[in-house]
Protein backbone atom coordinates (compact mmCIF):
# COMPACT_ATOMS: atom_id res chain seq x y z
CA MET A 1 57.62 153.66 149.18
CA ILE A 2 60.56 155.70 151.20
CA ASN A 3 63.04 153.65 149.45
CA ILE A 4 61.85 154.43 145.98
CA TYR A 5 61.70 157.77 146.57
CA ILE A 6 65.25 157.81 147.86
CA LYS A 7 66.21 156.03 145.01
CA CYS A 8 64.62 158.75 142.70
CA LEU A 9 66.48 161.49 144.85
CA PHE A 10 69.67 159.59 144.47
CA THR A 11 69.46 159.24 140.59
CA ALA A 12 68.75 162.87 140.28
CA ALA A 13 71.47 163.64 142.25
CA ILE A 14 73.66 161.71 140.07
CA ILE A 15 71.87 163.17 136.70
CA PHE A 16 72.62 166.60 137.84
CA SER A 17 76.26 166.03 139.16
CA ILE A 18 77.21 164.35 135.45
CA HIS A 19 75.33 167.92 134.08
CA LEU A 20 77.35 170.33 136.35
CA TYR A 21 80.61 167.95 135.43
CA SER A 22 79.98 168.44 131.85
CA MET A 23 79.10 171.65 131.72
CA ALA A 24 82.41 172.45 133.78
CA GLN A 25 83.88 170.53 130.92
CA SER A 26 82.82 172.59 128.07
CA SER A 27 83.57 175.89 130.01
CA SER A 28 87.22 175.29 130.67
CA ALA A 29 87.75 173.73 126.94
CA ALA A 30 86.16 177.26 125.70
CA VAL A 31 88.99 179.29 127.25
CA ILE A 32 91.76 178.58 124.86
CA ASN A 33 91.75 179.82 121.53
CA VAL A 34 88.23 180.76 120.75
CA PRO A 35 85.91 183.98 120.05
CA MET A 36 85.04 185.48 123.61
CA LYS A 37 82.99 188.44 122.15
CA GLY A 38 82.34 191.14 124.72
CA VAL A 39 84.19 189.47 127.12
CA LYS A 40 86.60 191.69 129.21
CA ASP A 41 90.52 190.35 128.55
CA LYS A 42 92.29 190.47 132.02
CA ASN A 43 95.23 192.52 129.59
CA GLN A 44 92.85 194.83 129.41
CA LYS A 45 93.37 195.56 133.09
CA LYS A 46 97.06 196.01 132.70
CA ASP A 47 99.05 199.63 133.40
CA TRP A 48 100.60 200.67 130.14
CA LYS A 49 103.54 202.57 128.88
CA LEU A 50 103.59 204.32 125.67
CA ILE A 51 106.99 203.47 123.59
CA PHE A 52 105.87 204.24 120.02
CA SER A 53 103.09 206.66 118.13
CA ASP A 54 102.54 208.28 115.13
CA HIS A 55 99.61 210.91 114.86
CA PHE A 56 100.42 211.48 110.91
CA SER A 57 100.04 215.22 112.21
CA LEU A 58 102.30 216.55 109.29
CA SER A 59 101.56 217.10 105.32
CA GLY A 60 103.60 215.42 102.68
CA LYS A 61 105.71 212.09 103.19
CA PHE A 62 105.39 209.61 106.43
CA ASP A 63 108.18 210.27 109.02
CA GLU A 64 110.97 208.03 107.79
CA SER A 65 112.44 207.81 111.48
CA LYS A 66 109.49 205.39 111.95
CA TRP A 67 108.58 204.10 108.77
CA SER A 68 109.54 203.07 105.00
CA PHE A 69 107.88 201.91 101.73
CA SER A 70 106.82 198.22 102.01
CA PRO A 71 108.76 196.64 98.92
CA ARG A 72 106.72 194.93 96.05
CA GLY A 73 106.75 191.47 96.38
CA ASN A 74 105.60 187.99 95.07
CA PRO A 75 103.21 187.56 97.82
CA ALA A 76 99.77 188.49 96.86
CA TRP A 77 99.69 191.52 99.01
CA ALA A 78 102.81 192.72 98.04
CA LYS A 79 102.26 192.42 94.25
CA PHE A 80 101.55 196.28 93.45
CA LEU A 81 102.92 198.15 96.24
CA THR A 82 104.63 200.91 94.66
CA PRO A 83 107.39 203.06 97.05
CA SER A 84 105.37 206.57 95.72
CA ALA A 85 104.03 209.76 97.56
CA ASP A 86 101.07 209.10 94.93
CA TYR A 87 100.15 206.11 97.14
CA VAL A 88 101.55 206.56 101.27
CA PHE A 89 101.27 210.20 101.86
CA GLN A 90 99.90 212.47 105.34
CA LYS A 91 97.34 214.84 104.81
CA GLY A 92 94.85 216.35 106.88
CA GLY A 93 96.30 214.90 110.09
CA LYS A 94 95.78 211.03 108.34
CA LEU A 95 98.09 208.53 106.94
CA ILE A 96 96.67 207.94 103.58
CA LEU A 97 96.84 204.50 101.80
CA ARG A 98 95.96 204.04 98.02
CA MET A 99 95.05 201.78 95.63
CA ASP A 100 94.15 202.65 91.96
CA ASP A 101 94.51 201.60 87.73
CA GLN A 102 96.36 204.90 87.30
CA SER A 103 99.00 204.49 84.20
CA ILE A 104 102.60 205.06 85.09
CA SER A 105 104.70 205.15 82.37
CA ASP A 106 107.81 202.98 84.05
CA ASP A 107 105.80 201.05 85.84
CA LYS A 108 103.59 199.19 83.76
CA ILE A 109 101.36 196.77 85.82
CA PRO A 110 97.51 197.11 86.11
CA TYR A 111 97.19 198.96 89.73
CA HIS A 112 99.57 200.55 92.08
CA SER A 113 98.83 200.33 96.11
CA GLY A 114 100.64 201.49 98.95
CA GLY A 115 102.47 200.63 102.61
CA ILE A 116 104.47 201.14 104.80
CA GLN A 117 106.72 199.14 107.53
CA SER A 118 108.62 199.89 110.44
CA SER A 119 111.03 197.21 110.33
CA GLU A 120 114.65 197.79 111.38
CA LYS A 121 113.16 201.49 112.92
CA PHE A 122 110.59 199.96 115.35
CA ASN A 123 109.43 196.70 116.64
CA LEU A 124 108.31 194.82 120.36
CA THR A 125 108.19 192.10 121.86
CA TYR A 126 105.36 192.00 123.85
CA GLY A 127 103.11 195.02 124.17
CA LYS A 128 99.89 196.72 123.13
CA VAL A 129 99.13 197.90 119.81
CA GLU A 130 96.23 200.44 118.49
CA VAL A 131 95.47 201.62 115.61
CA ARG A 132 92.64 203.66 114.73
CA ALA A 133 91.76 203.67 110.78
CA LYS A 134 88.95 203.46 108.22
CA PHE A 135 88.67 202.15 105.03
CA ASN A 136 85.81 202.16 101.86
CA LYS A 137 84.66 198.73 100.61
CA GLY A 138 84.99 197.33 97.25
CA LYS A 139 85.20 194.26 95.04
CA GLY A 140 89.08 193.10 95.18
CA SER A 141 90.10 195.44 98.10
CA TRP A 142 92.37 194.22 101.03
CA PRO A 143 93.49 196.98 103.50
CA ALA A 144 95.48 195.42 106.60
CA ILE A 145 97.19 196.11 109.86
CA TRP A 146 99.69 193.43 111.04
CA MET A 147 102.83 192.38 112.38
CA MET A 148 105.61 190.36 111.09
CA PRO A 149 108.94 188.76 112.85
CA GLU A 150 112.02 191.15 112.35
CA ASN A 151 113.99 188.16 111.93
CA PRO A 152 112.46 184.79 111.12
CA LEU A 153 114.48 182.85 113.44
CA TYR A 154 111.80 179.65 112.88
CA GLY A 155 111.56 179.19 109.29
CA ASN A 156 110.24 180.49 106.53
CA TRP A 157 106.48 181.80 106.45
CA PRO A 158 104.52 180.67 108.30
CA GLY A 159 106.92 179.50 110.43
CA SER A 160 108.28 182.30 112.30
CA GLY A 161 104.58 183.53 113.02
CA GLU A 162 102.03 186.56 111.64
CA ILE A 163 99.98 188.43 113.65
CA ASP A 164 97.04 190.18 111.71
CA ILE A 165 95.22 192.65 113.71
CA MET A 166 93.01 193.67 111.24
CA GLU A 167 92.41 192.67 107.38
CA HIS A 168 89.02 193.23 105.30
CA VAL A 169 88.50 192.23 102.08
CA ASN A 170 86.22 192.72 99.49
CA GLN A 171 82.01 193.83 100.49
CA GLU A 172 82.81 192.07 103.69
CA ASN A 173 80.68 193.55 106.98
CA VAL A 174 83.19 192.30 109.24
CA VAL A 175 87.16 192.40 109.56
CA HIS A 176 88.93 189.47 110.34
CA GLN A 177 91.90 189.05 113.00
CA THR A 178 94.32 186.17 112.77
CA ILE A 179 97.40 184.40 113.74
CA HIS A 180 99.59 182.36 111.87
CA ASN A 181 102.51 180.20 112.09
CA GLY A 182 103.00 176.34 111.70
CA TYR A 183 100.87 174.99 113.63
CA VAL A 184 97.69 176.51 112.65
CA THR A 185 98.38 177.40 108.74
CA ASP A 186 97.30 174.88 106.09
CA ALA A 187 99.11 174.23 103.04
CA GLN A 188 96.48 176.63 101.33
CA GLY A 189 97.81 179.45 103.57
CA GLY A 190 93.99 179.64 105.70
CA SER A 191 94.33 179.59 109.26
CA SER A 192 92.07 177.69 111.96
CA ALA A 193 93.11 180.84 114.53
CA THR A 194 91.14 183.42 113.37
CA HIS A 195 87.95 185.33 114.17
CA LYS A 196 85.63 187.53 112.09
CA ALA A 197 84.62 190.92 113.96
CA ALA A 198 81.69 193.46 113.33
CA TYR A 199 82.79 196.97 112.86
CA LYS A 200 81.59 200.57 112.35
CA GLU A 201 81.77 200.71 108.25
CA ARG A 202 82.64 204.10 107.09
CA GLU A 203 83.84 205.13 110.28
CA TYR A 204 86.98 205.22 112.26
CA ASN A 205 87.57 202.16 114.54
CA THR A 206 90.07 201.09 116.57
CA TYR A 207 91.62 197.79 116.31
CA SER A 208 94.29 196.44 118.96
CA VAL A 209 95.89 193.50 120.39
CA SER A 210 97.25 192.91 123.58
CA TRP A 211 100.22 190.92 122.98
CA THR A 212 101.88 188.74 126.42
CA GLN A 213 104.33 185.90 126.91
CA ASP A 214 101.65 183.35 126.90
CA SER A 215 98.36 184.84 125.23
CA ILE A 216 98.21 187.65 121.98
CA ALA A 217 94.62 189.13 122.76
CA PHE A 218 92.65 190.77 119.89
CA TYR A 219 90.06 193.86 119.74
CA VAL A 220 87.92 196.24 118.18
CA ASN A 221 86.97 199.17 119.83
CA SER A 222 88.09 198.24 123.32
CA VAL A 223 85.92 195.18 123.12
CA HIS A 224 87.84 191.80 123.35
CA GLN A 225 87.07 189.60 120.29
CA TYR A 226 89.52 186.65 120.48
CA THR A 227 92.71 185.18 122.09
CA TYR A 228 95.13 182.77 120.96
CA LYS A 229 97.12 181.29 124.01
CA ARG A 230 100.43 179.68 124.31
CA ASP A 231 100.32 175.47 124.84
CA ALA A 232 103.36 174.99 126.92
CA ASP A 233 103.78 171.60 124.86
CA GLY A 234 103.48 173.07 121.83
CA GLY A 235 107.23 174.31 121.06
CA SER A 236 107.87 177.14 118.65
CA LYS A 237 105.79 175.70 115.80
CA GLN A 238 102.57 176.49 117.93
CA TRP A 239 104.37 179.77 119.86
CA PRO A 240 107.03 181.70 117.37
CA PHE A 241 105.70 185.12 119.29
CA ASP A 242 108.82 185.40 121.46
CA LYS A 243 110.71 187.38 119.32
CA PRO A 244 110.53 190.94 117.86
CA PHE A 245 107.69 191.96 115.40
CA TYR A 246 107.14 195.32 113.47
CA LEU A 247 104.36 196.91 112.31
CA ILE A 248 102.52 197.16 108.83
CA LEU A 249 100.04 199.25 107.39
CA ASN A 250 98.65 198.79 103.55
CA GLN A 251 96.06 199.10 100.99
CA SER A 252 96.13 196.12 98.87
CA GLY A 253 93.87 193.88 96.88
CA GLY A 254 93.48 192.33 93.20
CA ALA A 255 95.25 189.21 93.95
CA GLY A 256 95.28 186.38 96.53
CA TRP A 257 92.47 186.27 98.90
CA PRO A 258 89.88 189.35 97.58
CA GLY A 259 90.34 188.23 93.93
CA SER A 260 89.86 190.50 90.86
CA VAL A 261 88.94 194.09 90.91
CA ASP A 262 86.06 195.39 90.13
CA LYS A 263 87.48 199.41 88.71
CA ALA A 264 84.19 200.89 89.42
CA ASP A 265 84.99 200.57 93.13
CA LEU A 266 88.19 202.42 92.60
CA PRO A 267 90.34 203.86 94.37
CA PHE A 268 90.74 201.87 97.56
CA VAL A 269 91.30 203.87 100.43
CA MET A 270 92.22 203.59 103.90
CA GLU A 271 92.88 206.52 106.16
CA VAL A 272 95.03 205.84 109.81
CA ASP A 273 94.47 208.43 112.38
CA TRP A 274 96.92 207.24 114.66
CA VAL A 275 99.42 204.63 116.05
CA ARG A 276 100.30 203.92 119.63
CA VAL A 277 102.23 201.47 121.06
CA TYR A 278 102.75 200.30 124.66
CA ARG A 279 104.91 198.03 126.73
CA ALA A 280 103.45 196.97 130.22
CA ALA A 281 104.34 199.43 132.97
CA ASP A 282 106.81 197.91 135.37
């Protein structure tokens, strides 16, 4: 009887050890490139020094020492961009980015939209970016706060990377925070390194990233949502994020990801309260 009792204890100990090992393996795997909503990230504890900001406190055109119009182009988000103060302007201490279907006699496209970028005026390699903004919802709408490489030294998109601090489409009740590169982006432009985050609808929310040599952590209203980590063996295909990136703020739509516009939902408007960029303090 004693031998049987000892064997039972021994068997139970082995099963318990296997269970603990399995849990440890699962926990270790979960640290890399998975959503960790509500978990405070170590990057939040860093001391930061402000290096760039805009509170859009004036009326009229944006500060041209910091921003320029995002140009119209072939990508879906840029298809209707319009370099006009009707679509990007400051009012009431906010930056207003607008999209509508108003007719412009010398620019006959179905929609016009607004976007600005800091390319060739401000960029950063590593740091913390925070943007406080709100937007309305609508079929075909696509507001975004994001970053692109100043010089695509690792090749054309997506090879040199893209950091999407916030994107919203259509009537969804979530925002998307996404990494693009040659490793996680598929032939259709989708990314496996992405996370959907809840936000306060019809209110201002603060969207941010904390970018170091080894990771990019995403937040909404200071709550950690997701971290993309550098793989030491991944090379530039997995981690092209060691070069300067600039900022883009735009209200787009009507093409690509969000699809067609329901004109009853126009105009689409994103209001930006402020932009703040920091580097880690020495």
